[in-house]
Amino acid sequence: MKTNPAETLPFPVGALITPTLVARAGAFAQAPLRADMGELARQCVLDWAGVALAGSREPLARMLLAQAQEDGGTPTASLVGNTLRVSARQAALLNGAAGHALDYDDANVAAQGHVTAAVLPAALAVAQARGAGGGALLRAFVAGYEMAGCVGQYLGRAHYERGFHGTATVGSFGAAFASAALMGLDSEASAVALGIAGTQAGGMKAQFGTMCKPLHAGKAAENGVTGAQLAARGFTGRADLLEAPQGFGAATSRGVDAQAALAAPPGGGHLHGNLFKYHAACYGTHATIDAVRALCAAHGLTPNDIEGIVLAVEPGAQRMCDILQPATGLQAKFSLRLNAALAVFGEDTAAPAIYSDATARRADLAALRDRVQAHFMPEDWPRMAAAVRITTRDGRVLEAYHDSSLPDANLVRQRERLVTKFMALAVPVVGTARAAEIERAVGALEHMEDIGALMSMLSQPEGTTS
């Protein structure tokens, strides 16, 4: 097994963090990927392709497309689900937003957000514009993912708790580094690219439940492309923005942690902490859904059997997914109580269509939703874990616990689940034959000579030809 780059780069006390992070993440872009890392990267690409294809049909994607058409630009990169070509920056923005439109894309606890949705669209846009192949794309993606994980750990949980959405903020650094790697920037220019991307980065958790949350992923991708493009032209910016006085760390976190940033993650890279979604809602609701569903299945419970439900969840959930009375489908994705009710009713939370305005307004769901209580536990409660207690009308008290923070160690089983998810999302957009073609292409992505071939498959709606 190859040496973990983090283990060869101990962080010297008093040194700048950015050069060390650049060296660490850069090591993933400069050598062939380990087999398990390559497989995980391909799985991220496949999962993102499915959610982006489905997300390209959402109203927010159409609005962003109309704006891009009005703005114009040099057509160098493709859009998912549309034959129109736009500039690399526009493609990163639109594809990034489409990939997060359903809130069904993967997440990472260390990075405090949805890494693939921010990093991959930037990498795809730059790779296509430059005629790069699939191998280079995968290496750059993993390097950008590693940067995002390190920056997330550097900023610490305080960054997220202050109201910053890590997909938008941390994701901008990952997108910038992936873009810089594909453009062949040296270490100094890559650090400047991080600084240019970081000075643009923003995104507030207060926007959860609105179209701005998916926009965060698109902006992160666009920030990353812009940062690398301008750095390549010699545009000046701080190469130490993360650690500088009044820099990104000082402005957005109560206390940065360089040692946490350089700690070796399990498996040798932050990509090993990637969490795929199998419910089309905020990841903070997943443990609740799975625990409630398990109890109902084990005891044959129906909605009429239930007197009340009590949830014990992490404290951060109160500021992430605690919309009490959601009125729209987007808001429903961020309601612990409504998702608990959906689980009791046996609704298919893997189907994005269930999160509709009509679902949010259903009287039977609302009645059960209002019998759900959420207790937000102390700071040491495990992230993404839920304890559930159901009291039945006949006096039984049933309990279950589920931890959604643990990645599946069986990559074969995980790939099978992701292929099923991909086909369910992609077939309605591109048809069965092309969806299967995309799945095969992603499975052999490192052998693709020009990433434009994949983007051509993703841009063709059903019934069209290349």
Protein backbone atom coordinates (compact mmCIF):
# COMPACT_ATOMS: atom_id res chain seq x y z
CA MET A 1 0.00 0.00 0.00
CA LYS A 2 1.31 3.44 -0.90
CA THR A 3 2.26 5.89 1.79
CA ASN A 4 -0.44 8.28 2.90
CA PRO A 5 0.73 11.78 1.84
CA ALA A 6 -0.41 13.17 5.21
CA GLU A 7 1.98 10.89 7.05
CA THR A 8 4.98 12.26 5.19
CA LEU A 9 4.16 15.91 5.87
CA PRO A 10 4.12 16.59 9.63
CA PHE A 11 2.99 20.14 10.35
CA PRO A 12 5.78 22.20 11.91
CA VAL A 13 4.67 24.43 14.76
CA GLY A 14 4.47 28.06 13.71
CA ALA A 15 4.55 27.36 9.97
CA LEU A 16 1.98 28.51 7.43
CA ILE A 17 -0.76 25.96 6.86
CA THR A 18 -1.50 26.65 3.17
CA PRO A 19 1.81 25.41 1.67
CA THR A 20 1.49 22.23 3.69
CA LEU A 21 -2.09 21.65 2.53
CA VAL A 22 -1.10 22.33 -1.07
CA ALA A 23 1.71 19.76 -0.84
CA ARG A 24 -0.54 17.20 0.82
CA ALA A 25 -3.48 17.52 -1.57
CA GLY A 26 -1.15 17.90 -4.55
CA ALA A 27 0.33 14.48 -3.90
CA PHE A 28 -3.00 12.93 -4.90
CA ALA A 29 -2.97 14.73 -8.26
CA GLN A 30 0.58 13.77 -9.17
CA ALA A 31 0.52 9.97 -9.00
CA PRO A 32 -1.82 7.14 -9.99
CA LEU A 33 -4.64 6.67 -7.53
CA ARG A 34 -4.71 3.70 -5.22
CA ALA A 35 -7.31 1.18 -6.41
CA ASP A 36 -9.76 1.88 -3.59
CA MET A 37 -9.44 5.64 -4.05
CA GLY A 38 -10.05 5.29 -7.77
CA GLU A 39 -13.16 3.21 -7.16
CA LEU A 40 -14.52 5.71 -4.65
CA ALA A 41 -13.84 8.58 -7.04
CA ARG A 42 -15.70 6.82 -9.85
CA GLN A 43 -18.60 6.16 -7.50
CA CYS A 44 -18.73 9.87 -6.66
CA VAL A 45 -18.81 10.72 -10.36
CA LEU A 46 -21.60 8.23 -11.05
CA ASP A 47 -23.70 9.36 -8.11
CA TRP A 48 -23.26 13.02 -9.02
CA ALA A 49 -24.14 12.34 -12.67
CA GLY A 50 -27.47 10.84 -11.64
CA VAL A 51 -28.47 13.59 -9.23
CA ALA A 52 -27.30 16.30 -11.65
CA LEU A 53 -29.29 14.84 -14.53
CA ALA A 54 -32.42 14.76 -12.40
CA GLY A 55 -31.61 18.16 -10.90
CA SER A 56 -31.23 19.70 -14.35
CA ARG A 57 -35.03 19.49 -14.67
CA GLU A 58 -35.65 21.56 -11.54
CA PRO A 59 -36.97 25.15 -11.85
CA LEU A 60 -33.82 26.64 -10.32
CA ALA A 61 -31.71 25.00 -13.04
CA ARG A 62 -33.92 26.49 -15.74
CA MET A 63 -33.63 29.95 -14.18
CA LEU A 64 -29.85 29.74 -14.04
CA LEU A 65 -29.76 28.53 -17.65
CA ALA A 66 -31.87 31.50 -18.76
CA GLN A 67 -29.46 33.83 -16.98
CA ALA A 68 -26.44 32.19 -18.64
CA GLN A 69 -28.06 32.54 -22.05
CA GLU A 70 -28.68 36.22 -21.39
CA ASP A 71 -25.09 36.73 -20.22
CA GLY A 72 -23.44 34.92 -23.13
CA GLY A 73 -19.89 33.61 -23.10
CA THR A 74 -17.35 31.49 -24.93
CA PRO A 75 -18.90 28.00 -25.37
CA THR A 76 -16.16 25.70 -24.10
CA ALA A 77 -17.99 23.42 -21.66
CA SER A 78 -21.17 21.31 -21.61
CA LEU A 79 -24.21 21.42 -19.38
CA VAL A 80 -25.73 18.32 -17.88
CA GLY A 81 -29.10 17.56 -19.45
CA ASN A 82 -28.85 20.29 -22.10
CA THR A 83 -27.04 20.54 -25.42
CA LEU A 84 -26.18 24.21 -24.89
CA ARG A 85 -22.50 24.98 -24.35
CA VAL A 86 -21.33 27.80 -22.11
CA SER A 87 -18.09 29.08 -20.60
CA ALA A 88 -16.21 26.94 -18.11
CA ARG A 89 -17.23 29.25 -15.26
CA GLN A 90 -20.89 29.12 -16.27
CA ALA A 91 -20.79 25.34 -16.63
CA ALA A 92 -19.31 25.01 -13.15
CA LEU A 93 -22.07 27.23 -11.74
CA LEU A 94 -24.98 25.58 -13.53
CA ASN A 95 -23.81 21.99 -13.18
CA GLY A 96 -22.89 22.58 -9.56
CA ALA A 97 -26.36 23.91 -8.76
CA ALA A 98 -28.04 21.08 -10.69
CA GLY A 99 -26.04 18.49 -8.75
CA HIS A 100 -27.28 19.88 -5.44
CA ALA A 101 -30.81 20.84 -6.54
CA LEU A 102 -32.39 17.70 -5.08
CA ASP A 103 -30.18 17.62 -1.97
CA TYR A 104 -29.56 14.00 -2.91
CA ASP A 105 -25.79 14.23 -3.47
CA ASP A 106 -23.08 12.85 -1.21
CA ALA A 107 -21.72 14.55 1.90
CA ASN A 108 -18.64 14.54 4.10
CA VAL A 109 -18.60 15.27 7.84
CA ALA A 110 -14.96 16.39 7.93
CA ALA A 111 -15.51 18.87 5.11
CA GLN A 112 -18.78 20.07 6.63
CA GLY A 113 -20.73 19.81 3.41
CA HIS A 114 -21.32 18.29 0.01
CA VAL A 115 -17.87 18.00 -1.51
CA THR A 116 -18.57 16.34 -4.85
CA ALA A 117 -21.28 18.87 -5.75
CA ALA A 118 -18.76 21.69 -5.34
CA VAL A 119 -15.54 20.13 -6.61
CA LEU A 120 -16.55 17.84 -9.48
CA PRO A 121 -18.43 20.41 -11.63
CA ALA A 122 -15.41 22.70 -11.49
CA ALA A 123 -13.07 19.85 -12.44
CA LEU A 124 -15.32 18.70 -15.28
CA ALA A 125 -15.59 22.20 -16.74
CA VAL A 126 -11.84 22.81 -16.67
CA ALA A 127 -11.04 19.30 -17.89
CA GLN A 128 -13.39 19.64 -20.87
CA ALA A 129 -12.15 23.10 -21.76
CA ARG A 130 -8.57 21.83 -21.74
CA GLY A 131 -9.19 18.46 -23.42
CA ALA A 132 -8.04 16.49 -20.35
CA GLY A 133 -8.70 12.78 -19.96
CA GLY A 134 -10.57 10.79 -17.37
CA GLY A 135 -7.48 9.83 -15.40
CA ALA A 136 -6.43 13.44 -14.92
CA LEU A 137 -9.98 14.35 -13.95
CA LEU A 138 -10.16 11.66 -11.26
CA ARG A 139 -6.79 12.62 -9.77
CA ALA A 140 -7.70 16.31 -9.71
CA PHE A 141 -11.07 15.52 -8.16
CA VAL A 142 -9.46 13.48 -5.37
CA ALA A 143 -6.91 16.24 -4.79
CA GLY A 144 -9.68 18.83 -4.55
CA TYR A 145 -11.68 16.57 -2.27
CA GLU A 146 -8.66 16.20 0.01
CA MET A 147 -8.21 19.96 0.12
CA ALA A 148 -11.84 20.42 1.11
CA GLY A 149 -11.54 17.85 3.89
CA CYS A 150 -8.42 19.51 5.25
CA VAL A 151 -9.91 23.01 5.12
CA GLY A 152 -13.07 21.77 6.81
CA GLN A 153 -11.01 20.34 9.64
CA TYR A 154 -8.90 23.49 9.84
CA LEU A 155 -11.95 25.73 10.26
CA GLY A 156 -13.56 23.35 12.73
CA ARG A 157 -17.17 22.83 13.66
CA ALA A 158 -17.40 26.43 14.84
CA HIS A 159 -17.41 27.54 11.20
CA TYR A 160 -20.62 25.62 10.48
CA GLU A 161 -22.20 26.62 13.77
CA ARG A 162 -21.67 30.31 13.00
CA GLY A 163 -24.02 29.87 10.05
CA PHE A 164 -21.65 29.18 7.16
CA HIS A 165 -22.63 26.43 4.72
CA GLY A 166 -19.49 24.37 4.20
CA THR A 167 -20.56 23.33 0.70
CA ALA A 168 -20.24 26.96 -0.36
CA THR A 169 -17.22 27.98 1.71
CA VAL A 170 -15.04 24.91 2.18
CA GLY A 171 -16.16 23.68 -1.24
CA SER A 172 -14.68 26.76 -2.92
CA PHE A 173 -11.19 25.77 -1.75
CA GLY A 174 -11.63 22.21 -2.99
CA ALA A 175 -12.93 23.39 -6.36
CA ALA A 176 -10.04 25.82 -6.73
CA PHE A 177 -7.44 23.18 -6.04
CA ALA A 178 -8.97 20.66 -8.43
CA SER A 179 -9.08 23.33 -11.13
CA ALA A 180 -5.50 24.40 -10.44
CA ALA A 181 -4.32 20.79 -10.67
CA LEU A 182 -5.95 20.34 -14.08
CA MET A 183 -4.40 23.60 -15.28
CA GLY A 184 -0.95 22.49 -14.15
CA LEU A 185 -0.41 25.40 -11.78
CA ASP A 186 2.62 25.21 -9.52
CA SER A 187 2.38 25.29 -5.73
CA GLU A 188 2.62 29.06 -5.43
CA ALA A 189 0.00 29.74 -8.09
CA SER A 190 -2.25 27.05 -6.62
CA ALA A 191 -2.07 28.78 -3.23
CA VAL A 192 -3.03 32.07 -4.87
CA ALA A 193 -5.93 30.29 -6.59
CA LEU A 194 -7.11 29.18 -3.15
CA GLY A 195 -6.92 32.76 -1.96
CA ILE A 196 -8.87 34.13 -4.92
CA ALA A 197 -11.55 31.47 -4.50
CA GLY A 198 -11.69 31.96 -0.75
CA THR A 199 -12.20 35.71 -0.94
CA GLN A 200 -15.33 35.04 -3.03
CA ALA A 201 -16.66 32.26 -0.82
CA GLY A 202 -19.88 32.70 1.09
CA GLY A 203 -23.12 30.88 1.77
CA MET A 204 -25.44 31.05 4.76
CA LYS A 205 -27.28 28.14 6.35
CA ALA A 206 -30.25 30.48 6.73
CA GLN A 207 -30.89 29.75 3.04
CA PHE A 208 -31.62 26.05 3.66
CA GLY A 209 -34.98 25.18 2.17
CA THR A 210 -34.63 27.71 -0.67
CA MET A 211 -33.06 27.68 -4.14
CA CYS A 212 -30.01 29.41 -2.72
CA LYS A 213 -28.78 26.22 -1.04
CA PRO A 214 -28.16 24.50 -4.40
CA LEU A 215 -26.77 27.79 -5.67
CA HIS A 216 -24.11 27.48 -2.95
CA ALA A 217 -22.65 24.39 -4.65
CA GLY A 218 -22.67 26.11 -8.02
CA LYS A 219 -21.01 29.22 -6.65
CA ALA A 220 -18.33 27.14 -4.95
CA ALA A 221 -17.55 25.44 -8.26
CA GLU A 222 -17.54 28.76 -10.10
CA ASN A 223 -15.35 30.36 -7.41
CA GLY A 224 -12.85 27.55 -7.84
CA VAL A 225 -12.67 27.87 -11.61
CA THR A 226 -12.36 31.65 -11.35
CA GLY A 227 -9.61 31.34 -8.76
CA ALA A 228 -7.52 29.01 -10.92
CA GLN A 229 -8.13 30.94 -14.14
CA LEU A 230 -7.12 34.27 -12.64
CA ALA A 231 -4.11 32.83 -10.81
CA ALA A 232 -2.92 31.38 -14.12
CA ARG A 233 -3.03 34.90 -15.58
CA GLY A 234 -0.92 36.30 -12.76
CA PHE A 235 -3.79 37.90 -10.85
CA THR A 236 -2.56 38.71 -7.37
CA GLY A 237 -4.11 37.57 -4.11
CA ARG A 238 -3.08 36.27 -0.72
CA ALA A 239 -1.40 32.87 -0.92
CA ASP A 240 -2.06 32.48 2.81
CA LEU A 241 -5.70 33.53 2.99
CA LEU A 242 -6.61 30.63 5.26
CA GLU A 243 -4.22 31.60 8.05
CA ALA A 244 -3.67 35.33 7.40
CA PRO A 245 -4.68 37.94 10.02
CA GLN A 246 -8.24 38.90 9.10
CA GLY A 247 -8.13 36.02 6.66
CA PHE A 248 -10.63 33.26 6.06
CA GLY A 249 -9.96 31.32 9.24
CA ALA A 250 -9.98 34.35 11.51
CA ALA A 251 -13.13 35.75 9.92
CA THR A 252 -15.25 32.59 9.77
CA SER A 253 -14.22 30.44 12.72
CA ARG A 254 -13.81 30.92 16.46
CA GLY A 255 -10.62 28.89 16.45
CA VAL A 256 -8.71 27.19 13.64
CA ASP A 257 -6.85 23.91 14.15
CA ALA A 258 -3.81 23.21 11.99
CA GLN A 259 -3.15 19.86 13.62
CA ALA A 260 -6.68 18.68 12.83
CA ALA A 261 -6.21 19.80 9.24
CA LEU A 262 -3.14 17.59 8.84
CA ALA A 263 -4.29 14.60 10.89
CA ALA A 264 -4.33 11.47 8.75
CA PRO A 265 -7.98 10.57 7.99
CA PRO A 266 -9.14 6.95 8.11
CA GLY A 267 -8.27 5.11 4.93
CA GLY A 268 -5.54 7.55 3.93
CA GLY A 269 -7.70 10.32 2.51
CA HIS A 270 -10.84 12.30 3.20
CA LEU A 271 -12.52 10.62 0.23
CA HIS A 272 -12.85 7.54 2.44
CA GLY A 273 -15.23 9.55 4.63
CA ASN A 274 -17.62 10.17 1.76
CA LEU A 275 -21.25 9.47 2.65
CA PHE A 276 -23.67 8.63 -0.14
CA LYS A 277 -27.33 9.46 0.23
CA TYR A 278 -30.17 7.00 -0.19
CA HIS A 279 -32.86 9.43 1.00
CA ALA A 280 -33.49 12.61 -1.02
CA ALA A 281 -33.37 14.89 2.03
CA CYS A 282 -30.85 16.68 4.24
CA TYR A 283 -28.30 14.19 5.54
CA GLY A 284 -29.12 15.28 9.07
CA THR A 285 -32.50 13.54 8.73
CA HIS A 286 -31.17 10.19 7.51
CA ALA A 287 -30.46 8.57 10.88
CA THR A 288 -33.97 9.48 12.00
CA ILE A 289 -35.55 8.03 8.86
CA ASP A 290 -33.61 4.77 9.14
CA ALA A 291 -34.23 4.32 12.87
CA VAL A 292 -37.97 5.02 12.60
CA ARG A 293 -38.32 2.78 9.57
CA ALA A 294 -36.50 -0.07 11.33
CA LEU A 295 -38.80 0.16 14.37
CA CYS A 296 -41.93 0.23 12.23
CA ALA A 297 -40.77 -2.77 10.23
CA ALA A 298 -39.73 -4.78 13.29
CA HIS A 299 -43.01 -4.21 15.13
CA GLY A 300 -45.45 -3.88 12.25
CA LEU A 301 -46.41 -0.33 13.20
CA THR A 302 -48.84 1.80 11.21
CA PRO A 303 -49.50 5.53 11.65
CA ASN A 304 -52.63 4.76 13.66
CA ASP A 305 -50.57 2.74 16.17
CA ILE A 306 -48.38 5.67 17.20
CA GLU A 307 -49.07 7.98 20.10
CA GLY A 308 -45.83 9.93 19.81
CA ILE A 309 -42.21 9.90 18.70
CA VAL A 310 -39.22 11.38 20.51
CA LEU A 311 -35.96 11.98 18.66
CA ALA A 312 -32.55 12.51 20.23
CA VAL A 313 -30.22 14.13 17.72
CA GLU A 314 -27.04 16.20 17.55
CA PRO A 315 -27.35 19.85 18.64
CA GLY A 316 -26.39 21.14 15.22
CA ALA A 317 -29.54 19.62 13.75
CA GLN A 318 -31.57 22.43 15.29
CA ARG A 319 -29.88 24.86 12.92
CA MET A 320 -29.72 22.46 9.99
CA CYS A 321 -32.92 20.45 9.59
CA ASP A 322 -35.49 21.59 12.14
CA ILE A 323 -38.12 23.33 10.03
CA LEU A 324 -41.18 22.70 12.17
CA GLN A 325 -43.98 23.20 9.67
CA PRO A 326 -42.55 22.97 6.15
CA ALA A 327 -44.75 24.54 3.49
CA THR A 328 -42.80 23.50 0.39
CA GLY A 329 -41.02 20.45 -0.94
CA LEU A 330 -37.66 22.12 -0.45
CA GLN A 331 -38.47 22.89 3.16
CA ALA A 332 -39.69 19.31 3.69
CA LYS A 333 -36.15 18.08 3.05
CA PHE A 334 -35.05 20.01 6.15
CA SER A 335 -37.72 18.87 8.61
CA LEU A 336 -36.75 16.12 11.06
CA ARG A 337 -40.34 15.76 12.19
CA LEU A 338 -41.85 15.47 8.74
CA ASN A 339 -39.22 12.94 7.68
CA ALA A 340 -39.99 10.85 10.75
CA ALA A 341 -43.65 10.89 9.67
CA LEU A 342 -42.70 9.94 6.10
CA ALA A 343 -40.80 6.94 7.47
CA VAL A 344 -43.82 5.79 9.51
CA PHE A 345 -46.08 6.08 6.48
CA GLY A 346 -43.65 4.00 4.46
CA GLU A 347 -43.18 6.68 1.83
CA ASP A 348 -40.31 6.24 -0.60
CA THR A 349 -37.82 8.83 0.61
CA ALA A 350 -35.39 7.61 -2.06
CA ALA A 351 -37.69 9.14 -4.69
CA PRO A 352 -37.08 12.89 -5.07
CA ALA A 353 -40.71 13.38 -6.13
CA ILE A 354 -41.93 12.61 -2.60
CA TYR A 355 -40.49 15.95 -1.47
CA SER A 356 -43.18 18.09 -3.09
CA ASP A 357 -45.32 20.99 -1.99
CA ALA A 358 -48.27 18.59 -1.92
CA THR A 359 -46.45 16.27 0.48
CA ALA A 360 -45.57 19.16 2.77
CA ARG A 361 -49.27 20.08 2.94
CA ARG A 362 -50.67 16.56 3.50
CA ALA A 363 -52.94 16.64 6.53
CA ASP A 364 -52.24 13.03 7.60
CA LEU A 365 -48.49 13.61 7.55
CA ALA A 366 -48.84 16.93 9.38
CA ALA A 367 -50.93 15.30 12.11
CA LEU A 368 -48.22 12.73 12.81
CA ARG A 369 -45.43 15.28 12.32
CA ASP A 370 -46.89 17.32 15.15
CA ARG A 371 -46.67 14.29 17.48
CA VAL A 372 -42.89 14.15 16.96
CA GLN A 373 -40.59 15.84 19.46
CA ALA A 374 -36.91 16.53 18.80
CA HIS A 375 -34.44 16.73 21.68
CA PHE A 376 -31.14 18.33 20.77
CA MET A 377 -28.41 16.65 22.73
CA PRO A 378 -25.15 18.00 24.24
CA GLU A 379 -22.13 18.76 22.08
CA ASP A 380 -20.60 15.31 22.60
CA TRP A 381 -23.54 13.56 20.92
CA PRO A 382 -22.31 11.64 17.82
CA ARG A 383 -22.67 13.54 14.59
CA MET A 384 -25.34 12.23 12.21
CA ALA A 385 -26.72 9.79 14.81
CA ALA A 386 -30.27 9.54 16.15
CA ALA A 387 -31.93 7.71 19.01
CA VAL A 388 -35.66 7.19 18.49
CA ARG A 389 -38.35 6.33 21.01
CA ILE A 390 -41.84 5.48 19.76
CA THR A 391 -44.75 5.27 22.18
CA THR A 392 -47.71 3.29 20.85
CA ARG A 393 -51.36 3.82 21.63
CA ASP A 394 -51.43 0.46 23.43
CA GLY A 395 -48.67 1.58 25.80
CA ARG A 396 -45.54 0.05 24.31
CA VAL A 397 -42.28 2.00 24.32
CA LEU A 398 -39.96 1.02 21.47
CA GLU A 399 -36.43 2.31 20.94
CA ALA A 400 -33.83 2.26 18.19
CA TYR A 401 -30.52 3.95 17.38
CA HIS A 402 -28.91 4.62 14.01
CA ASP A 403 -25.58 6.21 13.10
CA SER A 404 -25.45 7.60 9.56
CA SER A 405 -21.87 8.86 9.82
CA LEU A 406 -20.27 5.50 8.95
CA PRO A 407 -19.34 4.92 5.29
CA ASP A 408 -19.99 1.52 3.78
CA ALA A 409 -16.72 -0.43 3.87
CA ASN A 410 -17.97 -2.82 1.16
CA LEU A 411 -17.29 -0.90 -2.05
CA VAL A 412 -18.82 -3.61 -4.25
CA ARG A 413 -22.11 -3.48 -2.39
CA GLN A 414 -21.98 0.32 -2.36
CA ARG A 415 -21.45 0.45 -6.12
CA GLU A 416 -24.45 -1.83 -6.68
CA ARG A 417 -26.66 0.47 -4.62
CA LEU A 418 -25.34 3.53 -6.44
CA VAL A 419 -25.95 1.99 -9.87
CA THR A 420 -29.57 1.34 -8.87
CA LYS A 421 -29.91 4.92 -7.65
CA PHE A 422 -28.24 6.31 -10.78
CA MET A 423 -30.52 4.43 -13.15
CA ALA A 424 -33.62 5.55 -11.25
CA LEU A 425 -32.53 9.19 -11.60
CA ALA A 426 -30.97 9.13 -15.06
CA VAL A 427 -33.37 7.01 -17.11
CA PRO A 428 -36.24 9.52 -17.01
CA VAL A 429 -33.89 12.17 -18.40
CA VAL A 430 -31.70 10.36 -20.95
CA GLY A 431 -33.40 6.99 -21.46
CA THR A 432 -32.31 3.48 -20.54
CA ALA A 433 -29.74 2.96 -23.30
CA ARG A 434 -27.85 6.18 -22.69
CA ALA A 435 -28.01 5.80 -18.91
CA ALA A 436 -26.37 2.39 -19.27
CA GLU A 437 -23.78 3.92 -21.61
CA ILE A 438 -22.95 6.59 -19.03
CA GLU A 439 -22.68 4.01 -16.25
CA ARG A 440 -20.22 1.94 -18.30
CA ALA A 441 -18.18 5.01 -19.26
CA VAL A 442 -17.83 6.14 -15.65
CA GLY A 443 -16.79 2.61 -14.66
CA ALA A 444 -13.80 2.91 -17.01
CA LEU A 445 -13.29 6.64 -16.66
CA GLU A 446 -9.54 6.52 -16.14
CA HIS A 447 -9.20 5.13 -19.69
CA MET A 448 -11.20 7.93 -21.35
CA GLU A 449 -8.85 10.07 -23.42
CA ASP A 450 -11.04 13.20 -23.46
CA ILE A 451 -13.58 13.97 -20.75
CA GLY A 452 -15.63 15.71 -23.41
CA ALA A 453 -16.91 12.27 -24.40
CA LEU A 454 -18.57 11.84 -21.01
CA MET A 455 -19.95 15.37 -21.05
CA SER A 456 -21.46 14.71 -24.47
CA MET A 457 -23.33 11.73 -23.04
CA LEU A 458 -24.53 13.76 -20.07
CA SER A 459 -25.66 16.71 -22.18
CA GLN A 460 -27.88 14.78 -24.57
CA PRO A 461 -31.55 14.57 -23.57
CA GLU A 462 -33.50 11.42 -24.38
CA GLY A 463 -34.14 10.95 -28.08
CA THR A 464 -31.15 12.98 -29.31
CA THR A 465 -27.85 11.80 -30.76
CA SER A 466 -24.32 13.06 -30.41
